[in-house]
C-alpha cells in the first residue's frame, strides 16, 4: 500500500471513522509514507 503513495502530493480520506483509521494505520509503512508527504503534520 505504501508504494502506491510514491509520487503523490496529497492524500484525502473522505468520511469514515477517523479513530479506526488511525488505529489501523498507526506504526505501518503506509503511515510513514503519508507523514513523509510535503505539508504533512
C-alpha atoms as a PDB file:
ATOM      1  CA  UNK A   1       0.000   0.000   0.000  1.00  0.00           C
ATOM      2  CA  UNK A   2       2.750   2.477   0.890  1.00  0.00           C
ATOM      3  CA  UNK A   3       4.279   2.162  -2.596  1.00  0.00           C
ATOM      4  CA  UNK A   4       1.034   3.430  -4.106  1.00  0.00           C
ATOM      5  CA  UNK A   5       1.799   6.765  -2.442  1.00  0.00           C
ATOM      6  CA  UNK A   6       5.092   7.240  -4.319  1.00  0.00           C
ATOM      7  CA  UNK A   7       4.919  10.496  -6.239  1.00  0.00           C
ATOM      8  CA  UNK A   8       1.589  11.716  -4.859  1.00  0.00           C
ATOM      9  CA  UNK A   9       1.256  15.228  -3.472  1.00  0.00           C
ATOM     10  CA  UNK A  10      -1.626  14.604  -1.106  1.00  0.00           C
ATOM     11  CA  UNK A  11      -3.995  12.060   0.412  1.00  0.00           C
ATOM     12  CA  UNK A  12      -7.698  12.555   1.095  1.00  0.00           C
ATOM     13  CA  UNK A  13      -9.814  10.429   3.420  1.00  0.00           C
ATOM     14  CA  UNK A  14     -13.459  11.166   2.774  1.00  0.00           C
ATOM     15  CA  UNK A  15     -15.526  10.179   5.765  1.00  0.00           C
ATOM     16  CA  UNK A  16     -15.317   7.092   7.887  1.00  0.00           C
ATOM     17  CA  UNK A  17     -14.282   6.598  11.485  1.00  0.00           C
ATOM     18  CA  UNK A  18     -11.079   8.603  11.842  1.00  0.00           C
ATOM     19  CA  UNK A  19     -10.150   6.893  15.112  1.00  0.00           C
ATOM     20  CA  UNK A  20     -10.443   3.487  13.462  1.00  0.00           C
ATOM     21  CA  UNK A  21      -8.385   4.693  10.513  1.00  0.00           C
ATOM     22  CA  UNK A  22      -5.674   5.973  12.845  1.00  0.00           C
ATOM     23  CA  UNK A  23      -5.660   2.682  14.769  1.00  0.00           C
ATOM     24  CA  UNK A  24      -5.294   0.657  11.558  1.00  0.00           C
ATOM     25  CA  UNK A  25      -2.508   2.824  10.089  1.00  0.00           C
ATOM     26  CA  UNK A  26      -0.513   3.556  13.271  1.00  0.00           C
ATOM     27  CA  UNK A  27       3.055   2.289  13.011  1.00  0.00           C
ATOM     28  CA  UNK A  28       2.747   0.984   9.449  1.00  0.00           C
ATOM     29  CA  UNK A  29       4.802   1.812   6.371  1.00  0.00           C
ATOM     30  CA  UNK A  30       1.680   3.481   4.976  1.00  0.00           C
ATOM     31  CA  UNK A  31       1.502   5.871   7.928  1.00  0.00           C
ATOM     32  CA  UNK A  32       5.168   6.741   7.460  1.00  0.00           C
ATOM     33  CA  UNK A  33       4.617   7.359   3.747  1.00  0.00           C
ATOM     34  CA  UNK A  34       1.674   9.677   4.488  1.00  0.00           C
ATOM     35  CA  UNK A  35       3.661  11.568   7.117  1.00  0.00           C
ATOM     36  CA  UNK A  36       6.544  11.986   4.650  1.00  0.00           C
ATOM     37  CA  UNK A  37       4.339  13.859   2.173  1.00  0.00           C
ATOM     38  CA  UNK A  38       5.016  17.575   1.780  1.00  0.00           C
ATOM     39  CA  UNK A  39       2.923  19.612   4.212  1.00  0.00           C
ATOM     40  CA  UNK A  40       2.090  16.675   6.489  1.00  0.00           C
ATOM     41  CA  UNK A  41       1.729  17.378  10.167  1.00  0.00           C
END
